[in-house]
mmCIF file of all heavy atoms, coordinates in Angstrom:
data_MODEL
# 
_entry.id   MODEL 
# 
loop_
_atom_site.group_PDB 
_atom_site.id 
_atom_site.type_symbol 
_atom_site.label_atom_id 
_atom_site.label_alt_id 
_atom_site.label_comp_id 
_atom_site.label_asym_id 
_atom_site.label_entity_id 
_atom_site.label_seq_id 
_atom_site.pdbx_PDB_ins_code 
_atom_site.Cartn_x 
_atom_site.Cartn_y 
_atom_site.Cartn_z 
_atom_site.occupancy 
_atom_site.B_iso_or_equiv 
_atom_site.pdbx_formal_charge 
_atom_site.auth_seq_id 
_atom_site.auth_comp_id 
_atom_site.auth_asym_id 
_atom_site.auth_atom_id 
_atom_site.pdbx_PDB_model_num 
ATOM 1   N N   . HIS A 1 1  ? 171.404 9.010  353.469 1.00 0.00 ? 1  HIS A N   1 
ATOM 2   C CA  . HIS A 1 1  ? 170.758 9.099  354.775 1.00 0.00 ? 1  HIS A CA  1 
ATOM 3   C C   . HIS A 1 1  ? 170.332 10.514 355.138 1.00 0.00 ? 1  HIS A C   1 
ATOM 4   O O   . HIS A 1 1  ? 169.598 10.711 356.088 1.00 0.00 ? 1  HIS A O   1 
ATOM 5   C CB  . HIS A 1 1  ? 171.671 8.520  355.860 1.00 0.00 ? 1  HIS A CB  1 
ATOM 6   C CG  . HIS A 1 1  ? 171.675 7.030  355.839 1.00 0.00 ? 1  HIS A CG  1 
ATOM 7   N ND1 . HIS A 1 1  ? 170.760 6.279  356.529 1.00 0.00 ? 1  HIS A ND1 1 
ATOM 8   C CD2 . HIS A 1 1  ? 172.445 6.137  355.179 1.00 0.00 ? 1  HIS A CD2 1 
ATOM 9   C CE1 . HIS A 1 1  ? 170.965 5.003  356.303 1.00 0.00 ? 1  HIS A CE1 1 
ATOM 10  N NE2 . HIS A 1 1  ? 171.989 4.882  355.491 1.00 0.00 ? 1  HIS A NE2 1 
ATOM 11  N N   . GLU A 1 2  ? 170.797 11.512 354.393 1.00 0.00 ? 2  GLU A N   1 
ATOM 12  C CA  . GLU A 1 2  ? 170.395 12.896 354.628 1.00 0.00 ? 2  GLU A CA  1 
ATOM 13  C C   . GLU A 1 2  ? 169.323 13.268 353.606 1.00 0.00 ? 2  GLU A C   1 
ATOM 14  O O   . GLU A 1 2  ? 169.535 13.111 352.408 1.00 0.00 ? 2  GLU A O   1 
ATOM 15  C CB  . GLU A 1 2  ? 171.596 13.840 354.487 1.00 0.00 ? 2  GLU A CB  1 
ATOM 16  C CG  . GLU A 1 2  ? 172.720 13.551 355.462 1.00 0.00 ? 2  GLU A CG  1 
ATOM 17  C CD  . GLU A 1 2  ? 172.308 13.752 356.897 1.00 0.00 ? 2  GLU A CD  1 
ATOM 18  O OE1 . GLU A 1 2  ? 171.543 14.696 357.181 1.00 0.00 ? 2  GLU A OE1 1 
ATOM 19  O OE2 . GLU A 1 2  ? 172.742 12.950 357.753 1.00 0.00 ? 2  GLU A OE2 1 
ATOM 20  N N   . TRP A 1 3  ? 168.193 13.763 354.072 1.00 0.00 ? 3  TRP A N   1 
ATOM 21  C CA  . TRP A 1 3  ? 167.069 14.085 353.201 1.00 0.00 ? 3  TRP A CA  1 
ATOM 22  C C   . TRP A 1 3  ? 166.513 15.458 353.532 1.00 0.00 ? 3  TRP A C   1 
ATOM 23  O O   . TRP A 1 3  ? 166.220 15.743 354.695 1.00 0.00 ? 3  TRP A O   1 
ATOM 24  C CB  . TRP A 1 3  ? 165.961 13.049 353.358 1.00 0.00 ? 3  TRP A CB  1 
ATOM 25  C CG  . TRP A 1 3  ? 166.322 11.722 352.791 1.00 0.00 ? 3  TRP A CG  1 
ATOM 26  C CD1 . TRP A 1 3  ? 167.112 10.772 353.373 1.00 0.00 ? 3  TRP A CD1 1 
ATOM 27  C CD2 . TRP A 1 3  ? 165.935 11.185 351.533 1.00 0.00 ? 3  TRP A CD2 1 
ATOM 28  N NE1 . TRP A 1 3  ? 167.221 9.682  352.561 1.00 0.00 ? 3  TRP A NE1 1 
ATOM 29  C CE2 . TRP A 1 3  ? 166.509 9.914  351.418 1.00 0.00 ? 3  TRP A CE2 1 
ATOM 30  C CE3 . TRP A 1 3  ? 165.143 11.660 350.494 1.00 0.00 ? 3  TRP A CE3 1 
ATOM 31  C CZ2 . TRP A 1 3  ? 166.324 9.109  350.301 1.00 0.00 ? 3  TRP A CZ2 1 
ATOM 32  C CZ3 . TRP A 1 3  ? 164.959 10.853 349.386 1.00 0.00 ? 3  TRP A CZ3 1 
ATOM 33  C CH2 . TRP A 1 3  ? 165.547 9.594  349.297 1.00 0.00 ? 3  TRP A CH2 1 
ATOM 34  N N   . GLU A 1 4  ? 166.354 16.276 352.527 1.00 0.00 ? 4  GLU A N   1 
ATOM 35  C CA  . GLU A 1 4  ? 165.673 17.559 352.674 1.00 0.00 ? 4  GLU A CA  1 
ATOM 36  C C   . GLU A 1 4  ? 164.164 17.286 352.702 1.00 0.00 ? 4  GLU A C   1 
ATOM 37  O O   . GLU A 1 4  ? 163.701 16.311 352.109 1.00 0.00 ? 4  GLU A O   1 
ATOM 38  C CB  . GLU A 1 4  ? 166.007 18.487 351.496 1.00 0.00 ? 4  GLU A CB  1 
ATOM 39  C CG  . GLU A 1 4  ? 167.471 18.880 351.416 1.00 0.00 ? 4  GLU A CG  1 
ATOM 40  C CD  . GLU A 1 4  ? 167.932 19.684 352.616 1.00 0.00 ? 4  GLU A CD  1 
ATOM 41  O OE1 . GLU A 1 4  ? 167.143 20.513 353.121 1.00 0.00 ? 4  GLU A OE1 1 
ATOM 42  O OE2 . GLU A 1 4  ? 169.071 19.463 353.070 1.00 0.00 ? 4  GLU A OE2 1 
ATOM 43  N N   . PRO A 1 5  ? 163.404 18.155 353.377 1.00 0.00 ? 5  PRO A N   1 
ATOM 44  C CA  . PRO A 1 5  ? 161.941 17.918 353.465 1.00 0.00 ? 5  PRO A CA  1 
ATOM 45  C C   . PRO A 1 5  ? 161.263 17.724 352.112 1.00 0.00 ? 5  PRO A C   1 
ATOM 46  O O   . PRO A 1 5  ? 160.417 16.834 351.957 1.00 0.00 ? 5  PRO A O   1 
ATOM 47  C CB  . PRO A 1 5  ? 161.427 19.180 354.171 1.00 0.00 ? 5  PRO A CB  1 
ATOM 48  C CG  . PRO A 1 5  ? 162.586 19.645 354.982 1.00 0.00 ? 5  PRO A CG  1 
ATOM 49  C CD  . PRO A 1 5  ? 163.814 19.309 354.167 1.00 0.00 ? 5  PRO A CD  1 
ATOM 50  N N   . GLU A 1 6  ? 161.629 18.526 351.120 1.00 0.00 ? 6  GLU A N   1 
ATOM 51  C CA  . GLU A 1 6  ? 160.975 18.373 349.813 1.00 0.00 ? 6  GLU A CA  1 
ATOM 52  C C   . GLU A 1 6  ? 161.336 17.042 349.145 1.00 0.00 ? 6  GLU A C   1 
ATOM 53  O O   . GLU A 1 6  ? 160.528 16.463 348.414 1.00 0.00 ? 6  GLU A O   1 
ATOM 54  C CB  . GLU A 1 6  ? 161.275 19.555 348.886 1.00 0.00 ? 6  GLU A CB  1 
ATOM 55  C CG  . GLU A 1 6  ? 162.730 19.866 348.673 1.00 0.00 ? 6  GLU A CG  1 
ATOM 56  C CD  . GLU A 1 6  ? 163.329 20.798 349.746 1.00 0.00 ? 6  GLU A CD  1 
ATOM 57  O OE1 . GLU A 1 6  ? 162.626 21.276 350.638 1.00 0.00 ? 6  GLU A OE1 1 
ATOM 58  O OE2 . GLU A 1 6  ? 164.538 21.027 349.679 1.00 0.00 ? 6  GLU A OE2 1 
ATOM 59  N N   . ASP A 1 7  ? 162.543 16.522 349.416 1.00 0.00 ? 7  ASP A N   1 
ATOM 60  C CA  . ASP A 1 7  ? 162.928 15.215 348.877 1.00 0.00 ? 7  ASP A CA  1 
ATOM 61  C C   . ASP A 1 7  ? 162.160 14.089 349.565 1.00 0.00 ? 7  ASP A C   1 
ATOM 62  O O   . ASP A 1 7  ? 161.754 13.117 348.926 1.00 0.00 ? 7  ASP A O   1 
ATOM 63  C CB  . ASP A 1 7  ? 164.432 14.988 349.027 1.00 0.00 ? 7  ASP A CB  1 
ATOM 64  C CG  . ASP A 1 7  ? 165.263 15.957 348.205 1.00 0.00 ? 7  ASP A CG  1 
ATOM 65  O OD1 . ASP A 1 7  ? 164.769 16.391 347.138 1.00 0.00 ? 7  ASP A OD1 1 
ATOM 66  O OD2 . ASP A 1 7  ? 166.385 16.282 348.621 1.00 0.00 ? 7  ASP A OD2 1 
ATOM 67  N N   . LEU A 1 8  ? 161.979 14.226 350.876 1.00 0.00 ? 8  LEU A N   1 
ATOM 68  C CA  . LEU A 1 8  ? 161.175 13.233 351.602 1.00 0.00 ? 8  LEU A CA  1 
ATOM 69  C C   . LEU A 1 8  ? 159.770 13.171 351.025 1.00 0.00 ? 8  LEU A C   1 
ATOM 70  O O   . LEU A 1 8  ? 159.229 12.086 350.790 1.00 0.00 ? 8  LEU A O   1 
ATOM 71  C CB  . LEU A 1 8  ? 161.076 13.597 353.088 1.00 0.00 ? 8  LEU A CB  1 
ATOM 72  C CG  . LEU A 1 8  ? 162.225 13.205 353.986 1.00 0.00 ? 8  LEU A CG  1 
ATOM 73  C CD1 . LEU A 1 8  ? 162.028 13.792 355.373 1.00 0.00 ? 8  LEU A CD1 1 
ATOM 74  C CD2 . LEU A 1 8  ? 162.382 11.706 354.057 1.00 0.00 ? 8  LEU A CD2 1 
ATOM 75  N N   . ILE A 1 9  ? 159.199 14.325 350.794 1.00 0.00 ? 9  ILE A N   1 
ATOM 76  C CA  . ILE A 1 9  ? 157.836 14.382 350.259 1.00 0.00 ? 9  ILE A CA  1 
ATOM 77  C C   . ILE A 1 9  ? 157.776 13.733 348.883 1.00 0.00 ? 9  ILE A C   1 
ATOM 78  O O   . ILE A 1 9  ? 156.885 12.925 348.596 1.00 0.00 ? 9  ILE A O   1 
ATOM 79  C CB  . ILE A 1 9  ? 157.337 15.843 350.211 1.00 0.00 ? 9  ILE A CB  1 
ATOM 80  C CG1 . ILE A 1 9  ? 157.145 16.359 351.632 1.00 0.00 ? 9  ILE A CG1 1 
ATOM 81  C CG2 . ILE A 1 9  ? 156.051 15.962 349.398 1.00 0.00 ? 9  ILE A CG2 1 
ATOM 82  C CD1 . ILE A 1 9  ? 156.958 17.853 351.739 1.00 0.00 ? 9  ILE A CD1 1 
ATOM 83  N N   . GLU A 1 10 ? 158.743 14.036 348.036 1.00 0.00 ? 10 GLU A N   1 
ATOM 84  C CA  . GLU A 1 10 ? 158.740 13.502 346.676 1.00 0.00 ? 10 GLU A CA  1 
ATOM 85  C C   . GLU A 1 10 ? 158.927 11.987 346.632 1.00 0.00 ? 10 GLU A C   1 
ATOM 86  O O   . GLU A 1 10 ? 158.258 11.290 345.876 1.00 0.00 ? 10 GLU A O   1 
ATOM 87  C CB  . GLU A 1 10 ? 159.847 14.173 345.861 1.00 0.00 ? 10 GLU A CB  1 
ATOM 88  C CG  . GLU A 1 10 ? 159.901 13.706 344.417 1.00 0.00 ? 10 GLU A CG  1 
ATOM 89  C CD  . GLU A 1 10 ? 160.994 14.395 343.628 1.00 0.00 ? 10 GLU A CD  1 
ATOM 90  O OE1 . GLU A 1 10 ? 161.425 15.496 344.007 1.00 0.00 ? 10 GLU A OE1 1 
ATOM 91  O OE2 . GLU A 1 10 ? 161.424 13.820 342.615 1.00 0.00 ? 10 GLU A OE2 1 
ATOM 92  N N   . VAL A 1 11 ? 159.815 11.466 347.460 1.00 0.00 ? 11 VAL A N   1 
ATOM 93  C CA  . VAL A 1 11 ? 160.186 10.047 347.374 1.00 0.00 ? 11 VAL A CA  1 
ATOM 94  C C   . VAL A 1 11 ? 159.416 9.155  348.342 1.00 0.00 ? 11 VAL A C   1 
ATOM 95  O O   . VAL A 1 11 ? 159.057 8.038  347.997 1.00 0.00 ? 11 VAL A O   1 
ATOM 96  C CB  . VAL A 1 11 ? 161.713 9.891  347.609 1.00 0.00 ? 11 VAL A CB  1 
ATOM 97  C CG1 . VAL A 1 11 ? 162.128 8.437  347.660 1.00 0.00 ? 11 VAL A CG1 1 
ATOM 98  C CG2 . VAL A 1 11 ? 162.489 10.633 346.525 1.00 0.00 ? 11 VAL A CG2 1 
ATOM 99  N N   . TRP A 1 12 ? 159.149 9.628  349.535 1.00 0.00 ? 12 TRP A N   1 
ATOM 100 C CA  . TRP A 1 12 ? 158.614 8.785  350.595 1.00 0.00 ? 12 TRP A CA  1 
ATOM 101 C C   . TRP A 1 12 ? 157.131 8.990  350.881 1.00 0.00 ? 12 TRP A C   1 
ATOM 102 O O   . TRP A 1 12 ? 156.588 8.391  351.811 1.00 0.00 ? 12 TRP A O   1 
ATOM 103 C CB  . TRP A 1 12 ? 159.430 8.973  351.872 1.00 0.00 ? 12 TRP A CB  1 
ATOM 104 C CG  . TRP A 1 12 ? 160.833 8.474  351.725 1.00 0.00 ? 12 TRP A CG  1 
ATOM 105 C CD1 . TRP A 1 12 ? 161.918 9.197  351.348 1.00 0.00 ? 12 TRP A CD1 1 
ATOM 106 C CD2 . TRP A 1 12 ? 161.299 7.133  351.912 1.00 0.00 ? 12 TRP A CD2 1 
ATOM 107 N NE1 . TRP A 1 12 ? 163.036 8.394  351.310 1.00 0.00 ? 12 TRP A NE1 1 
ATOM 108 C CE2 . TRP A 1 12 ? 162.684 7.124  351.638 1.00 0.00 ? 12 TRP A CE2 1 
ATOM 109 C CE3 . TRP A 1 12 ? 160.679 5.944  352.289 1.00 0.00 ? 12 TRP A CE3 1 
ATOM 110 C CZ2 . TRP A 1 12 ? 163.457 5.980  351.739 1.00 0.00 ? 12 TRP A CZ2 1 
ATOM 111 C CZ3 . TRP A 1 12 ? 161.452 4.790  352.383 1.00 0.00 ? 12 TRP A CZ3 1 
ATOM 112 C CH2 . TRP A 1 12 ? 162.824 4.814  352.115 1.00 0.00 ? 12 TRP A CH2 1 
ATOM 113 N N   . THR A 1 13 ? 156.442 9.802  350.101 1.00 0.00 ? 13 THR A N   1 
ATOM 114 C CA  . THR A 1 13 ? 155.009 9.981  350.317 1.00 0.00 ? 13 THR A CA  1 
ATOM 115 C C   . THR A 1 13 ? 154.250 8.760  349.817 1.00 0.00 ? 13 THR A C   1 
ATOM 116 O O   . THR A 1 13 ? 154.460 8.300  348.689 1.00 0.00 ? 13 THR A O   1 
ATOM 117 C CB  . THR A 1 13 ? 154.505 11.252 349.605 1.00 0.00 ? 13 THR A CB  1 
ATOM 118 O OG1 . THR A 1 13 ? 155.141 12.383 350.210 1.00 0.00 ? 13 THR A OG1 1 
ATOM 119 C CG2 . THR A 1 13 ? 152.995 11.393 349.711 1.00 0.00 ? 13 THR A CG2 1 
ATOM 120 N N   . LEU A 1 14 ? 153.375 8.252  350.658 1.00 0.00 ? 14 LEU A N   1 
ATOM 121 C CA  . LEU A 1 14 ? 152.550 7.106  350.292 1.00 0.00 ? 14 LEU A CA  1 
ATOM 122 C C   . LEU A 1 14 ? 151.369 7.588  349.458 1.00 0.00 ? 14 LEU A C   1 
ATOM 123 O O   . LEU A 1 14 ? 150.613 8.457  349.883 1.00 0.00 ? 14 LEU A O   1 
ATOM 124 C CB  . LEU A 1 14 ? 152.046 6.393  351.549 1.00 0.00 ? 14 LEU A CB  1 
ATOM 125 C CG  . LEU A 1 14 ? 153.128 5.740  352.394 1.00 0.00 ? 14 LEU A CG  1 
ATOM 126 C CD1 . LEU A 1 14 ? 152.585 5.396  353.762 1.00 0.00 ? 14 LEU A CD1 1 
ATOM 127 C CD2 . LEU A 1 14 ? 153.701 4.521  351.703 1.00 0.00 ? 14 LEU A CD2 1 
ATOM 128 N N   . LEU A 1 15 ? 151.234 7.021  348.288 1.00 0.00 ? 15 LEU A N   1 
ATOM 129 C CA  . LEU A 1 15 ? 150.128 7.365  347.411 1.00 0.00 ? 15 LEU A CA  1 
ATOM 130 C C   . LEU A 1 15 ? 148.874 6.597  347.838 1.00 0.00 ? 15 LEU A C   1 
ATOM 131 O O   . LEU A 1 15 ? 148.933 5.707  348.691 1.00 0.00 ? 15 LEU A O   1 
ATOM 132 C CB  . LEU A 1 15 ? 150.503 7.047  345.966 1.00 0.00 ? 15 LEU A CB  1 
ATOM 133 C CG  . LEU A 1 15 ? 151.784 7.720  345.463 1.00 0.00 ? 15 LEU A CG  1 
ATOM 134 C CD1 . LEU A 1 15 ? 152.110 7.255  344.061 1.00 0.00 ? 15 LEU A CD1 1 
ATOM 135 C CD2 . LEU A 1 15 ? 151.671 9.227  345.535 1.00 0.00 ? 15 LEU A CD2 1 
ATOM 136 N N   . GLU A 1 16 ? 147.764 6.918  347.222 1.00 0.00 ? 16 GLU A N   1 
ATOM 137 C CA  . GLU A 1 16 ? 146.500 6.277  347.582 1.00 0.00 ? 16 GLU A CA  1 
ATOM 138 C C   . GLU A 1 16 ? 146.574 4.758  347.419 1.00 0.00 ? 16 GLU A C   1 
ATOM 139 O O   . GLU A 1 16 ? 146.108 4.013  348.291 1.00 0.00 ? 16 GLU A O   1 
ATOM 140 C CB  . GLU A 1 16 ? 145.376 6.844  346.703 1.00 0.00 ? 16 GLU A CB  1 
ATOM 141 C CG  . GLU A 1 16 ? 144.009 6.527  347.212 1.00 0.00 ? 16 GLU A CG  1 
ATOM 142 C CD  . GLU A 1 16 ? 142.922 7.262  346.437 1.00 0.00 ? 16 GLU A CD  1 
ATOM 143 O OE1 . GLU A 1 16 ? 143.063 8.481  346.212 1.00 0.00 ? 16 GLU A OE1 1 
ATOM 144 O OE2 . GLU A 1 16 ? 141.939 6.609  346.076 1.00 0.00 ? 16 GLU A OE2 1 
ATOM 145 N N   . GLU A 1 17 ? 147.188 4.291  346.323 1.00 0.00 ? 17 GLU A N   1 
ATOM 146 C CA  . GLU A 1 17 ? 147.290 2.833  346.125 1.00 0.00 ? 17 GLU A CA  1 
ATOM 147 C C   . GLU A 1 17 ? 148.239 2.201  347.138 1.00 0.00 ? 17 GLU A C   1 
ATOM 148 O O   . GLU A 1 17 ? 148.068 1.046  347.520 1.00 0.00 ? 17 GLU A O   1 
ATOM 149 C CB  . GLU A 1 17 ? 147.689 2.472  344.685 1.00 0.00 ? 17 GLU A CB  1 
ATOM 150 C CG  . GLU A 1 17 ? 149.015 3.021  344.240 1.00 0.00 ? 17 GLU A CG  1 
ATOM 151 C CD  . GLU A 1 17 ? 148.920 4.334  343.482 1.00 0.00 ? 17 GLU A CD  1 
ATOM 152 O OE1 . GLU A 1 17 ? 147.893 5.027  343.581 1.00 0.00 ? 17 GLU A OE1 1 
ATOM 153 O OE2 . GLU A 1 17 ? 149.888 4.665  342.793 1.00 0.00 ? 17 GLU A OE2 1 
ATOM 154 N N   . ASP A 1 18 ? 149.244 2.944  347.591 1.00 0.00 ? 18 ASP A N   1 
ATOM 155 C CA  . ASP A 1 18 ? 150.127 2.453  348.651 1.00 0.00 ? 18 ASP A CA  1 
ATOM 156 C C   . ASP A 1 18 ? 149.331 2.283  349.945 1.00 0.00 ? 18 ASP A C   1 
ATOM 157 O O   . ASP A 1 18 ? 149.442 1.254  350.622 1.00 0.00 ? 18 ASP A O   1 
ATOM 158 C CB  . ASP A 1 18 ? 151.288 3.425  348.910 1.00 0.00 ? 18 ASP A CB  1 
ATOM 159 C CG  . ASP A 1 18 ? 152.166 3.659  347.690 1.00 0.00 ? 18 ASP A CG  1 
ATOM 160 O OD1 . ASP A 1 18 ? 152.243 2.774  346.815 1.00 0.00 ? 18 ASP A OD1 1 
ATOM 161 O OD2 . ASP A 1 18 ? 152.784 4.747  347.626 1.00 0.00 ? 18 ASP A OD2 1 
ATOM 162 N N   . GLN A 1 19 ? 148.536 3.287  350.271 1.00 0.00 ? 19 GLN A N   1 
ATOM 163 C CA  . GLN A 1 19 ? 147.724 3.233  351.481 1.00 0.00 ? 19 GLN A CA  1 
ATOM 164 C C   . GLN A 1 19 ? 146.744 2.053  351.426 1.00 0.00 ? 19 GLN A C   1 
ATOM 165 O O   . GLN A 1 19 ? 146.499 1.392  352.432 1.00 0.00 ? 19 GLN A O   1 
ATOM 166 C CB  . GLN A 1 19 ? 146.948 4.549  351.664 1.00 0.00 ? 19 GLN A CB  1 
ATOM 167 C CG  . GLN A 1 19 ? 147.826 5.735  351.956 1.00 0.00 ? 19 GLN A CG  1 
ATOM 168 C CD  . GLN A 1 19 ? 148.284 5.817  353.403 1.00 0.00 ? 19 GLN A CD  1 
ATOM 169 O OE1 . GLN A 1 19 ? 148.020 4.950  354.219 1.00 0.00 ? 19 GLN A OE1 1 
ATOM 170 N NE2 . GLN A 1 19 ? 148.982 6.890  353.722 1.00 0.00 ? 19 GLN A NE2 1 
ATOM 171 N N   . GLU A 1 20 ? 146.215 1.795  350.243 1.00 0.00 ? 20 GLU A N   1 
ATOM 172 C CA  . GLU A 1 20 ? 145.284 0.665  350.078 1.00 0.00 ? 20 GLU A CA  1 
ATOM 173 C C   . GLU A 1 20 ? 145.990 -0.658 350.379 1.00 0.00 ? 20 GLU A C   1 
ATOM 174 O O   . GLU A 1 20 ? 145.407 -1.557 350.982 1.00 0.00 ? 20 GLU A O   1 
ATOM 175 C CB  . GLU A 1 20 ? 144.717 0.673  348.656 1.00 0.00 ? 20 GLU A CB  1 
ATOM 176 C CG  . GLU A 1 20 ? 143.721 -0.413 348.372 1.00 0.00 ? 20 GLU A CG  1 
ATOM 177 C CD  . GLU A 1 20 ? 142.469 -0.358 349.238 1.00 0.00 ? 20 GLU A CD  1 
ATOM 178 O OE1 . GLU A 1 20 ? 142.096 0.733  349.702 1.00 0.00 ? 20 GLU A OE1 1 
ATOM 179 O OE2 . GLU A 1 20 ? 141.863 -1.425 349.454 1.00 0.00 ? 20 GLU A OE2 1 
ATOM 180 N N   . ARG A 1 21 ? 147.240 -0.789 349.971 1.00 0.00 ? 21 ARG A N   1 
ATOM 181 C CA  . ARG A 1 21 ? 148.005 -2.022 350.235 1.00 0.00 ? 21 ARG A CA  1 
ATOM 182 C C   . ARG A 1 21 ? 148.241 -2.237 351.727 1.00 0.00 ? 21 ARG A C   1 
ATOM 183 O O   . ARG A 1 21 ? 148.500 -3.354 352.156 1.00 0.00 ? 21 ARG A O   1 
ATOM 184 C CB  . ARG A 1 21 ? 149.352 -1.970 349.515 1.00 0.00 ? 21 ARG A CB  1 
ATOM 185 C CG  . ARG A 1 21 ? 149.261 -2.100 348.032 1.00 0.00 ? 21 ARG A CG  1 
ATOM 186 C CD  . ARG A 1 21 ? 150.650 -2.151 347.382 1.00 0.00 ? 21 ARG A CD  1 
ATOM 187 N NE  . ARG A 1 21 ? 150.506 -2.195 345.956 1.00 0.00 ? 21 ARG A NE  1 
ATOM 188 C CZ  . ARG A 1 21 ? 150.657 -1.139 345.148 1.00 0.00 ? 21 ARG A CZ  1 
ATOM 189 N NH1 . ARG A 1 21 ? 151.003 0.029  345.636 1.00 0.00 ? 21 ARG A NH1 1 
ATOM 190 N NH2 . ARG A 1 21 ? 150.478 -1.268 343.847 1.00 0.00 ? 21 ARG A NH2 1 
ATOM 191 N N   . LEU A 1 22 ? 148.190 -1.171 352.498 1.00 0.00 ? 22 LEU A N   1 
ATOM 192 C CA  . LEU A 1 22 ? 148.489 -1.244 353.929 1.00 0.00 ? 22 LEU A CA  1 
ATOM 193 C C   . LEU A 1 22 ? 147.249 -1.383 354.796 1.00 0.00 ? 22 LEU A C   1 
ATOM 194 O O   . LEU A 1 22 ? 147.362 -1.542 356.007 1.00 0.00 ? 22 LEU A O   1 
ATOM 195 C CB  . LEU A 1 22 ? 149.244 0.024  354.354 1.00 0.00 ? 22 LEU A CB  1 
ATOM 196 C CG  . LEU A 1 22 ? 150.558 0.291  353.633 1.00 0.00 ? 22 LEU A CG  1 
ATOM 197 C CD1 . LEU A 1 22 ? 151.077 1.672  353.985 1.00 0.00 ? 22 LEU A CD1 1 
ATOM 198 C CD2 . LEU A 1 22 ? 151.575 -0.782 353.948 1.00 0.00 ? 22 LEU A CD2 1 
ATOM 199 N N   . ARG A 1 23 ? 146.079 -1.340 354.218 1.00 0.00 ? 23 ARG A N   1 
ATOM 200 C CA  . ARG A 1 23 ? 144.838 -1.237 354.983 1.00 0.00 ? 23 ARG A CA  1 
ATOM 201 C C   . ARG A 1 23 ? 144.620 -2.383 355.966 1.00 0.00 ? 23 ARG A C   1 
ATOM 202 O O   . ARG A 1 23 ? 143.995 -2.205 356.987 1.00 0.00 ? 23 ARG A O   1 
ATOM 203 C CB  . ARG A 1 23 ? 143.639 -1.084 354.062 1.00 0.00 ? 23 ARG A CB  1 
ATOM 204 C CG  . ARG A 1 23 ? 143.284 -2.301 353.254 1.00 0.00 ? 23 ARG A CG  1 
ATOM 205 C CD  . ARG A 1 23 ? 141.958 -2.107 352.521 1.00 0.00 ? 23 ARG A CD  1 
ATOM 206 N NE  . ARG A 1 23 ? 141.736 -2.952 351.399 1.00 0.00 ? 23 ARG A NE  1 
ATOM 207 C CZ  . ARG A 1 23 ? 141.812 -4.276 351.351 1.00 0.00 ? 23 ARG A CZ  1 
ATOM 208 N NH1 . ARG A 1 23 ? 142.173 -4.940 352.403 1.00 0.00 ? 23 ARG A NH1 1 
ATOM 209 N NH2 . ARG A 1 23 ? 141.557 -4.938 350.246 1.00 0.00 ? 23 ARG A NH2 1 
ATOM 210 N N   . ASN A 1 24 ? 145.119 -3.561 355.694 1.00 0.00 ? 24 ASN A N   1 
ATOM 211 C CA  . ASN A 1 24 ? 144.891 -4.704 356.579 1.00 0.00 ? 24 ASN A CA  1 
ATOM 212 C C   . ASN A 1 24 ? 146.073 -4.975 357.515 1.00 0.00 ? 24 ASN A C   1 
ATOM 213 O O   . ASN A 1 24 ? 146.146 -6.035 358.114 1.00 0.00 ? 24 ASN A O   1 
ATOM 214 C CB  . ASN A 1 24 ? 144.569 -5.958 355.761 1.00 0.00 ? 24 ASN A CB  1 
ATOM 215 C CG  . ASN A 1 24 ? 145.725 -6.385 354.885 1.00 0.00 ? 24 ASN A CG  1 
ATOM 216 O OD1 . ASN A 1 24 ? 146.639 -5.600 354.609 1.00 0.00 ? 24 ASN A OD1 1 
ATOM 217 N ND2 . ASN A 1 24 ? 145.707 -7.624 354.431 1.00 0.00 ? 24 ASN A ND2 1 
ATOM 218 N N   . LYS A 1 25 ? 146.975 -3.994 357.653 1.00 0.00 ? 25 LYS A N   1 
ATOM 219 C CA  . LYS A 1 25 ? 148.143 -4.159 358.506 1.00 0.00 ? 25 LYS A CA  1 
ATOM 220 C C   . LYS A 1 25 ? 148.081 -3.153 359.659 1.00 0.00 ? 25 LYS A C   1 
ATOM 221 O O   . LYS A 1 25 ? 147.510 -2.090 359.517 1.00 0.00 ? 25 LYS A O   1 
ATOM 222 C CB  . LYS A 1 25 ? 149.421 -3.967 357.691 1.00 0.00 ? 25 LYS A CB  1 
ATOM 223 C CG  . LYS A 1 25 ? 149.598 -5.017 356.603 1.00 0.00 ? 25 LYS A CG  1 
ATOM 224 C CD  . LYS A 1 25 ? 150.736 -4.657 355.656 1.00 0.00 ? 25 LYS A CD  1 
ATOM 225 C CE  . LYS A 1 25 ? 150.955 -5.703 354.589 1.00 0.00 ? 25 LYS A CE  1 
ATOM 226 N NZ  . LYS A 1 25 ? 149.808 -5.979 353.757 1.00 0.00 ? 25 LYS A NZ  1 
ATOM 227 N N   . ALA A 1 26 ? 148.715 -3.515 360.771 1.00 0.00 ? 26 ALA A N   1 
ATOM 228 C CA  . ALA A 1 26 ? 148.716 -2.630 361.933 1.00 0.00 ? 26 ALA A CA  1 
ATOM 229 C C   . ALA A 1 26 ? 150.092 -2.619 362.585 1.00 0.00 ? 26 ALA A C   1 
ATOM 230 O O   . ALA A 1 26 ? 150.903 -3.530 362.380 1.00 0.00 ? 26 ALA A O   1 
ATOM 231 C CB  . ALA A 1 26 ? 147.670 -3.099 362.942 1.00 0.00 ? 26 ALA A CB  1 
ATOM 232 N N   . GLY A 1 27 ? 150.354 -1.586 363.358 1.00 0.00 ? 27 GLY A N   1 
ATOM 233 C CA  . GLY A 1 27 ? 151.565 -1.500 364.168 1.00 0.00 ? 27 GLY A CA  1 
ATOM 234 C C   . GLY A 1 27 ? 152.848 -1.608 363.363 1.00 0.00 ? 27 GLY A C   1 
ATOM 235 O O   . GLY A 1 27 ? 152.981 -1.018 362.289 1.00 0.00 ? 27 GLY A O   1 
ATOM 236 N N   . ALA A 1 28 ? 153.781 -2.377 363.901 1.00 0.00 ? 28 ALA A N   1 
ATOM 237 C CA  . ALA A 1 28 ? 155.089 -2.539 363.271 1.00 0.00 ? 28 ALA A CA  1 
ATOM 238 C C   . ALA A 1 28 ? 154.974 -3.104 361.855 1.00 0.00 ? 28 ALA A C   1 
ATOM 239 O O   . ALA A 1 28 ? 155.739 -2.720 360.966 1.00 0.00 ? 28 ALA A O   1 
ATOM 240 C CB  . ALA A 1 28 ? 155.979 -3.443 364.129 1.00 0.00 ? 28 ALA A CB  1 
ATOM 241 N N   . ASN A 1 29 ? 154.006 -3.994 361.630 1.00 0.00 ? 29 ASN A N   1 
ATOM 242 C CA  . ASN A 1 29 ? 153.831 -4.565 360.289 1.00 0.00 ? 29 ASN A CA  1 
ATOM 243 C C   . ASN A 1 29 ? 153.363 -3.515 359.287 1.00 0.00 ? 29 ASN A C   1 
ATOM 244 O O   . ASN A 1 29 ? 153.757 -3.534 358.126 1.00 0.00 ? 29 ASN A O   1 
ATOM 245 C CB  . ASN A 1 29 ? 152.862 -5.743 360.306 1.00 0.00 ? 29 ASN A CB  1 
ATOM 246 C CG  . ASN A 1 29 ? 153.504 -6.987 360.858 1.00 0.00 ? 29 ASN A CG  1 
ATOM 247 O OD1 . ASN A 1 29 ? 154.712 -7.169 360.771 1.00 0.00 ? 29 ASN A OD1 1 
ATOM 248 N ND2 . ASN A 1 29 ? 152.704 -7.846 361.451 1.00 0.00 ? 29 ASN A ND2 1 
# 
């Protein structure tokens, strides 16, 4: 549950294909 900023960037950054998967979703979804 504890994350350093560089770890967040490495693990939790959404890549372009991730963003594409989300394109038809809004808000909480």
